[in-house]
Protein backbone atom coordinates (compact mmCIF):
# COMPACT_ATOMS: atom_id res chain seq x y z
CA MET A 1 6.14 -13.19 -15.75
CA GLN A 2 7.31 -16.52 -14.37
CA TYR A 3 5.32 -19.73 -14.69
CA ARG A 4 5.09 -22.92 -12.66
CA LYS A 5 3.51 -26.30 -13.21
CA LEU A 6 0.14 -26.87 -11.61
CA GLY A 7 1.01 -29.82 -9.38
CA ARG A 8 2.11 -32.84 -11.41
CA SER A 9 0.00 -31.80 -14.39
CA ASP A 10 1.31 -30.45 -17.68
CA ILE A 11 -0.42 -27.09 -17.12
CA ASP A 12 1.76 -23.99 -16.75
CA VAL A 13 0.28 -21.16 -14.67
CA SER A 14 1.55 -17.64 -14.09
CA ARG A 15 3.09 -16.73 -10.75
CA ILE A 16 0.33 -14.12 -10.45
CA ALA A 17 -3.30 -15.21 -10.85
CA LEU A 18 -6.26 -12.92 -11.37
CA GLY A 19 -8.79 -13.23 -8.57
CA THR A 20 -12.32 -12.25 -9.56
CA MET A 21 -14.54 -12.23 -6.49
CA THR A 22 -15.19 -8.48 -6.91
CA PHE A 23 -16.66 -8.99 -10.40
CA GLY A 24 -20.38 -8.34 -10.18
CA GLU A 25 -20.29 -6.46 -6.86
CA GLN A 26 -17.46 -3.93 -6.72
CA ASN A 27 -16.64 -4.20 -10.42
CA THR A 28 -18.95 -3.81 -13.40
CA GLU A 29 -18.88 -6.13 -16.41
CA ASP A 30 -16.88 -3.61 -18.43
CA GLU A 31 -14.37 -3.19 -15.61
CA ALA A 32 -14.05 -6.96 -15.29
CA HIS A 33 -13.29 -7.26 -19.02
CA ARG A 34 -10.68 -4.50 -18.79
CA GLN A 35 -9.00 -6.27 -15.89
CA ILE A 36 -8.83 -9.55 -17.78
CA ASP A 37 -7.44 -7.87 -20.91
CA TYR A 38 -4.76 -6.05 -18.93
CA ALA A 39 -3.79 -9.11 -16.90
CA LEU A 40 -3.32 -11.22 -20.03
CA ASP A 41 -1.27 -8.45 -21.65
CA GLN A 42 1.06 -8.65 -18.63
CA GLY A 43 1.55 -12.40 -18.95
CA VAL A 44 -1.07 -13.55 -16.45
CA ASN A 45 -2.78 -16.67 -17.80
CA PHE A 46 -4.55 -17.94 -14.68
CA ILE A 47 -8.07 -16.77 -13.72
CA ASP A 48 -9.74 -17.94 -10.50
CA ALA A 49 -13.48 -17.85 -9.82
CA ALA A 50 -16.17 -19.68 -7.82
CA GLU A 51 -19.84 -20.50 -8.22
CA MET A 52 -20.77 -18.46 -5.13
CA TYR A 53 -18.97 -15.26 -6.24
CA PRO A 54 -19.14 -12.30 -6.05
CA VAL A 55 -18.35 -11.65 -2.40
CA PRO A 56 -20.14 -11.03 -0.13
CA PRO A 57 -22.33 -13.89 -1.33
CA LYS A 58 -25.98 -13.03 -1.93
CA ALA A 59 -28.82 -14.73 -3.77
CA ASP A 60 -29.39 -11.82 -6.12
CA THR A 61 -25.75 -11.55 -7.27
CA GLN A 62 -24.62 -15.19 -7.13
CA GLY A 63 -23.07 -16.32 -10.40
CA ARG A 64 -22.35 -12.85 -11.78
CA THR A 65 -18.60 -13.31 -11.51
CA GLU A 66 -18.66 -16.36 -13.76
CA GLU A 67 -21.13 -14.62 -16.09
CA TYR A 68 -18.76 -11.68 -16.54
CA ILE A 69 -15.83 -13.99 -17.25
CA GLY A 70 -18.06 -15.96 -19.60
CA SER A 71 -19.10 -12.89 -21.57
CA TRP A 72 -15.42 -11.98 -21.96
CA LEU A 73 -14.61 -15.48 -23.21
CA ALA A 74 -17.50 -15.38 -25.65
CA ALA A 75 -16.51 -11.97 -27.01
CA SER A 76 -12.75 -12.52 -27.12
CA GLY A 77 -12.61 -16.13 -28.31
CA ARG A 78 -9.50 -16.58 -26.16
CA ARG A 79 -10.47 -19.65 -24.15
CA GLU A 80 -7.21 -21.42 -25.02
CA ASP A 81 -5.17 -18.48 -23.73
CA VAL A 82 -6.34 -18.85 -20.13
CA VAL A 83 -6.11 -21.45 -17.40
CA LEU A 84 -9.60 -21.21 -15.96
CA ALA A 85 -10.42 -22.27 -12.40
CA SER A 86 -13.62 -22.29 -10.40
CA LYS A 87 -14.95 -23.88 -7.21
CA VAL A 88 -17.86 -25.91 -5.90
CA THR A 89 -19.25 -24.57 -2.63
CA GLY A 90 -18.63 -26.65 0.48
CA ARG A 91 -21.21 -27.40 3.15
CA SER A 92 -23.28 -24.30 3.88
CA LYS A 93 -26.74 -22.86 4.44
CA MET A 94 -26.63 -20.97 1.12
CA ASP A 95 -29.65 -22.89 -0.10
CA TYR A 96 -30.21 -20.52 -3.03
CA LEU A 97 -27.32 -22.34 -4.69
CA ARG A 98 -29.11 -25.70 -4.55
CA ASP A 99 -32.82 -25.03 -5.04
CA GLY A 100 -33.57 -24.76 -1.35
CA PHE A 101 -31.20 -27.46 -0.11
CA GLU A 102 -28.13 -27.20 2.10
CA THR A 103 -25.01 -27.28 -0.05
CA ARG A 104 -23.10 -30.55 0.27
CA LEU A 105 -20.22 -32.18 -1.59
CA THR A 106 -22.32 -35.07 -2.90
CA PRO A 107 -21.85 -36.40 -6.44
CA LYS A 108 -25.22 -35.04 -7.53
CA GLN A 109 -24.56 -31.54 -6.21
CA ILE A 110 -21.01 -31.41 -7.57
CA ARG A 111 -22.18 -32.34 -11.06
CA SER A 112 -25.04 -29.85 -10.93
CA ALA A 113 -22.77 -27.07 -9.69
CA LEU A 114 -20.20 -27.70 -12.41
CA GLU A 115 -22.78 -27.77 -15.19
CA ALA A 116 -24.15 -24.42 -14.00
CA SER A 117 -20.65 -22.92 -13.83
CA LEU A 118 -19.79 -24.12 -17.33
CA ASP A 119 -22.98 -22.58 -18.65
CA ARG A 120 -22.26 -19.21 -17.04
CA LEU A 121 -18.64 -19.30 -18.23
CA HIS A 122 -19.54 -20.19 -21.84
CA THR A 123 -17.07 -23.05 -21.91
CA ASP A 124 -17.32 -26.83 -21.98
CA TYR A 125 -14.45 -27.49 -19.57
CA LEU A 126 -12.51 -26.08 -16.63
CA ASP A 127 -8.76 -26.45 -16.27
CA LEU A 128 -9.06 -26.61 -12.48
CA TYR A 129 -12.11 -27.39 -10.36
CA GLN A 130 -11.67 -26.89 -6.63
CA VAL A 131 -13.57 -27.94 -3.52
CA HIS A 132 -14.15 -24.51 -1.96
CA TRP A 133 -14.11 -25.80 1.62
CA PRO A 134 -14.66 -29.17 3.33
CA ASP A 135 -17.98 -30.90 3.86
CA ARG A 136 -16.85 -31.94 7.33
CA SER A 137 -16.68 -29.71 10.40
CA THR A 138 -13.17 -28.35 10.87
CA ASN A 139 -11.35 -25.14 11.75
CA THR A 140 -11.46 -23.01 8.60
CA PHE A 141 -11.95 -19.28 7.96
CA GLY A 142 -9.98 -17.99 10.90
CA LYS A 143 -10.89 -20.49 13.62
CA ARG A 144 -7.81 -20.92 15.79
CA GLY A 145 -8.78 -24.12 17.58
CA TYR A 146 -10.22 -27.44 16.44
CA THR A 147 -13.27 -28.94 18.13
CA HIS A 148 -13.97 -32.52 17.14
CA ALA A 149 -17.54 -33.42 16.18
CA GLU A 150 -18.15 -37.12 16.80
CA ASP A 151 -21.50 -37.06 14.99
CA ASP A 152 -20.15 -35.34 11.88
CA ASP A 153 -22.10 -36.77 8.94
CA ALA A 154 -19.69 -35.47 6.32
CA VAL A 155 -19.80 -36.78 2.77
CA PRO A 156 -16.81 -39.16 2.53
CA ILE A 157 -13.81 -37.70 0.74
CA GLU A 158 -13.70 -40.79 -1.47
CA GLU A 159 -17.25 -40.07 -2.64
CA THR A 160 -16.50 -36.45 -3.44
CA LEU A 161 -13.25 -37.29 -5.24
CA GLY A 162 -14.94 -40.14 -7.06
CA GLU A 163 -17.39 -37.77 -8.75
CA LEU A 164 -14.63 -35.33 -9.57
CA GLY A 165 -12.79 -38.24 -11.16
CA ARG A 166 -15.77 -39.04 -13.35
CA LEU A 167 -15.88 -35.42 -14.47
CA VAL A 168 -12.20 -35.64 -15.40
CA GLU A 169 -12.89 -38.79 -17.43
CA GLU A 170 -15.72 -36.97 -19.23
CA GLY A 171 -13.40 -34.09 -20.13
CA LYS A 172 -15.38 -31.51 -18.19
CA ILE A 173 -12.48 -30.71 -15.89
CA ARG A 174 -8.76 -31.24 -16.37
CA CYS A 175 -7.53 -31.11 -12.78
CA VAL A 176 -8.85 -31.22 -9.22
CA GLY A 177 -7.88 -28.82 -6.45
CA LEU A 178 -8.72 -28.09 -2.83
CA SER A 179 -9.35 -24.87 -0.91
CA ASN A 180 -9.50 -23.96 2.77
CA GLU A 181 -8.21 -27.41 3.58
CA THR A 182 -6.13 -28.77 6.47
CA PRO A 183 -3.08 -31.08 6.42
CA TRP A 184 -5.31 -34.02 7.43
CA GLY A 185 -7.77 -33.27 4.65
CA LEU A 186 -5.11 -32.88 2.00
CA MET A 187 -3.42 -36.15 2.91
CA ARG A 188 -6.77 -37.99 2.96
CA TYR A 189 -7.47 -36.78 -0.58
CA LEU A 190 -4.04 -37.99 -1.66
CA ARG A 191 -4.60 -41.36 0.00
CA ALA A 192 -7.99 -41.71 -1.67
CA ALA A 193 -6.43 -40.93 -5.05
CA GLU A 194 -3.78 -43.60 -4.56
CA ASN A 195 -6.06 -46.27 -3.11
CA GLU A 196 -9.03 -45.74 -5.45
CA ASN A 197 -7.12 -44.80 -8.63
CA LEU A 198 -8.71 -41.35 -8.62
CA PRO A 199 -7.33 -37.96 -9.74
CA ARG A 200 -4.52 -36.62 -7.62
CA VAL A 201 -5.17 -33.07 -6.42
CA VAL A 202 -2.78 -30.54 -7.96
CA SER A 203 -3.20 -27.50 -5.70
CA ILE A 204 -4.52 -26.13 -2.44
CA GLN A 205 -5.97 -22.61 -2.27
CA ASN A 206 -5.64 -21.27 1.26
CA PRO A 207 -5.10 -17.84 2.80
CA TYR A 208 -1.49 -16.70 2.99
CA SER A 209 -0.12 -13.23 3.73
CA LEU A 210 2.20 -11.42 6.09
CA LEU A 211 -0.68 -11.40 8.59
CA ASN A 212 -1.51 -15.09 8.19
CA ARG A 213 1.32 -17.55 7.59
CA THR A 214 -0.41 -20.52 9.22
CA PHE A 215 0.03 -22.46 5.95
CA GLU A 216 3.65 -22.89 7.02
CA ILE A 217 2.52 -25.00 9.99
CA GLY A 218 2.02 -28.45 8.49
CA LEU A 219 0.72 -27.64 5.04
CA ALA A 220 3.97 -26.20 3.64
CA GLU A 221 5.71 -29.53 4.16
CA CYS A 222 2.83 -31.37 2.52
CA ALA A 223 2.92 -28.93 -0.39
CA GLU A 224 6.63 -29.42 -1.01
CA ARG A 225 6.82 -33.19 -0.51
CA GLU A 226 3.62 -34.00 -2.39
CA ASP A 227 3.81 -31.39 -5.20
CA VAL A 228 0.46 -29.91 -4.14
CA ARG A 229 1.53 -26.32 -3.81
CA LEU A 230 -0.29 -23.22 -2.65
CA LEU A 231 -2.61 -20.95 -4.55
CA ALA A 232 -2.46 -18.06 -2.09
CA TYR A 233 -5.63 -16.07 -1.54
CA SER A 234 -5.99 -12.79 0.37
CA PRO A 235 -2.26 -12.04 0.01
CA LEU A 236 -2.99 -8.43 0.95
CA ALA A 237 -5.35 -9.40 3.79
CA PHE A 238 -8.42 -7.73 2.25
CA GLY A 239 -6.28 -4.69 1.43
CA MET A 240 -5.05 -4.16 4.98
CA LEU A 241 -1.39 -4.57 3.98
CA THR A 242 -1.60 -1.68 1.53
CA GLY A 243 -1.83 0.60 4.57
CA LYS A 244 -4.99 2.28 3.34
CA TYR A 245 -6.90 1.48 6.54
CA LEU A 246 -4.22 2.69 8.98
CA ASP A 247 -5.16 5.11 11.77
CA GLY A 248 -8.85 4.36 11.37
CA ALA A 249 -9.04 5.41 7.73
CA ALA A 250 -12.13 4.23 5.85
CA PRO A 251 -11.64 4.84 2.12
CA GLU A 252 -14.92 5.30 0.28
CA GLY A 253 -16.01 2.19 -1.57
CA ALA A 254 -13.32 -0.04 -0.07
CA ARG A 255 -14.33 -3.52 1.03
CA LEU A 256 -13.74 -3.08 4.76
CA THR A 257 -15.54 0.24 4.65
CA ARG A 258 -18.59 -1.16 2.92
CA TRP A 259 -18.95 -4.42 4.85
CA GLU A 260 -18.24 -4.69 8.57
CA ARG A 261 -18.62 -8.48 8.35
CA PHE A 262 -15.06 -8.73 7.00
CA SER A 263 -13.27 -8.52 10.33
CA ARG A 264 -10.72 -11.30 9.86
CA TYR A 265 -7.78 -8.91 9.51
CA THR A 266 -8.86 -6.01 11.70
CA ASN A 267 -8.10 -7.10 15.26
CA ALA A 268 -5.68 -5.09 17.39
CA ARG A 269 -2.68 -7.34 16.76
CA GLY A 270 -3.39 -7.36 13.06
CA LYS A 271 -3.52 -3.57 12.95
CA GLN A 272 -0.23 -3.32 14.83
CA ALA A 273 1.50 -5.82 12.54
CA THR A 274 0.15 -3.99 9.51
CA ALA A 275 1.53 -0.69 10.79
CA ASP A 276 4.92 -2.33 11.34
CA TYR A 277 5.03 -3.86 7.86
CA VAL A 278 3.94 -0.62 6.17
CA ALA A 279 6.56 1.38 8.09
CA LEU A 280 9.20 -1.16 7.07
CA ALA A 281 8.26 -0.88 3.40
CA GLN A 282 8.33 2.91 3.54
CA LYS A 283 11.74 2.82 5.24
CA HIS A 284 13.11 0.81 2.33
CA GLY A 285 11.36 2.86 -0.33
CA VAL A 286 9.08 0.00 -1.40
CA ASP A 287 5.34 0.13 -2.02
CA PRO A 288 3.74 -1.69 0.96
CA ALA A 289 1.40 -3.74 -1.25
CA GLN A 290 4.22 -4.79 -3.54
CA MET A 291 6.42 -5.76 -0.60
CA ALA A 292 3.65 -7.93 0.83
CA LEU A 293 2.96 -9.58 -2.52
CA ALA A 294 6.64 -10.03 -3.40
CA TYR A 295 7.15 -11.91 -0.14
CA VAL A 296 4.34 -14.32 -1.05
CA ASN A 297 5.68 -14.65 -4.59
CA SER A 298 9.06 -15.77 -3.24
CA ARG A 299 7.82 -18.78 -1.27
CA SER A 300 9.01 -22.12 -2.62
CA PHE A 301 5.72 -23.83 -1.71
CA LEU A 302 3.76 -21.39 -3.88
CA THR A 303 2.33 -22.14 -7.30
CA SER A 304 0.45 -18.88 -7.85
CA ASN A 305 -0.46 -15.74 -5.92
CA ILE A 306 -4.11 -14.76 -6.42
CA ILE A 307 -4.39 -11.00 -6.50
CA GLY A 308 -7.58 -8.98 -6.73
CA ALA A 309 -8.30 -5.34 -7.45
CA THR A 310 -11.19 -2.94 -7.81
CA THR A 311 -9.27 -0.29 -9.80
CA MET A 312 -6.86 -0.55 -12.71
CA GLU A 313 -4.23 1.27 -10.67
CA GLN A 314 -4.43 -1.40 -7.98
CA LEU A 315 -4.27 -4.13 -10.61
CA GLU A 316 -1.18 -2.64 -12.24
CA THR A 317 0.59 -2.31 -8.88
CA ASN A 318 -0.28 -5.84 -7.83
CA ILE A 319 0.76 -7.54 -11.06
CA ALA A 320 4.02 -5.57 -11.11
CA SER A 321 4.98 -7.27 -7.84
CA ALA A 322 5.99 -10.27 -9.98
CA ASP A 323 9.12 -8.34 -11.02
CA ILE A 324 10.19 -7.34 -7.51
CA GLU A 325 12.85 -9.19 -5.55
CA LEU A 326 13.21 -8.32 -1.89
CA SER A 327 16.68 -7.78 -0.49
CA ASP A 328 18.03 -10.15 2.16
CA GLU A 329 18.01 -7.25 4.61
CA LEU A 330 14.34 -6.54 3.97
CA VAL A 331 13.37 -10.20 4.26
CA GLN A 332 15.20 -10.46 7.58
CA ALA A 333 13.32 -7.42 8.84
CA ILE A 334 10.01 -8.97 7.75
CA GLU A 335 10.90 -12.14 9.64
CA ALA A 336 11.71 -10.10 12.75
CA ILE A 337 8.26 -8.49 12.71
CA HIS A 338 6.68 -11.90 12.21
CA ALA A 339 8.64 -13.36 15.14
CA ASP A 340 7.38 -10.56 17.41
CA ASN A 341 3.75 -10.87 16.24
CA PRO A 342 3.21 -14.20 14.49
CA ASN A 343 -0.01 -14.93 12.59
CA PRO A 344 -2.18 -12.25 14.19
CA CYS A 345 -5.01 -12.93 11.72
CA PRO A 346 -5.34 -16.66 10.99
């Protein structure tokens, strides 16, 4: 397993991170513990969670993911062996998270959210605390175009970062990160850090896969020049790039089978690109999932690739992608498919 620094911090994180949003919905507590044990045995030291997990978010399951990680930490006593990350929910109508109030990135809500996460996780600090998505109105979660809202009453970035800075000073978090953020948002956080002497963000967790390489448009340059590199989520596009949904297949228990709401990667162009990538992998004798993950692993703007799994077989396959290097010929063929059908599923 290879490791990289988390931004300009002194924290080393594994090239592969364990994503946990299935814990508490598609995975039981015992299965979650087995996944963590196996991942650590393979050299993975980075675990990513969020207060709103598991997914899909619901009032009756919210927090289970962190609870399952917390019970593992309590039983194993291995807190110092993991780099633990979680997230505070951005602006939303999920009022069950905030005692009946709209979620906002205010100092009071951030502090309350963190304290609840720490309690569920059975720890007194997080290595990385991330803003899950912006408080302002912008084009996230697959929106192709941006529509400006003049009356946007967003919590100022300086106010949000200011509270995160106080939590760093108190030792409750070590580093600050962003998620589902734009180039403008990232650079405003960096400006606020410089102007207000606040913590400099160390990472940005955005979607990145063979079906969605929009990170390369603007954010990749920011990541490289500012040392705020990518934590890639959905690198298999909700499992699409494994090929298991090709030709209308609906595997029992799979995420896209169970929940029709997850349609981000299932449009016609996305299905065609998936078929092309899977055929390419098969032509070269490579597992389609490992090819897709190995491509993400190879990007210079990447810090860590957040994989997720519902079975141990999937987990083993995904983590093993860390040892795969794609040939120049295969990379060129991937780029040719991308050129013909770029970013079908932003």
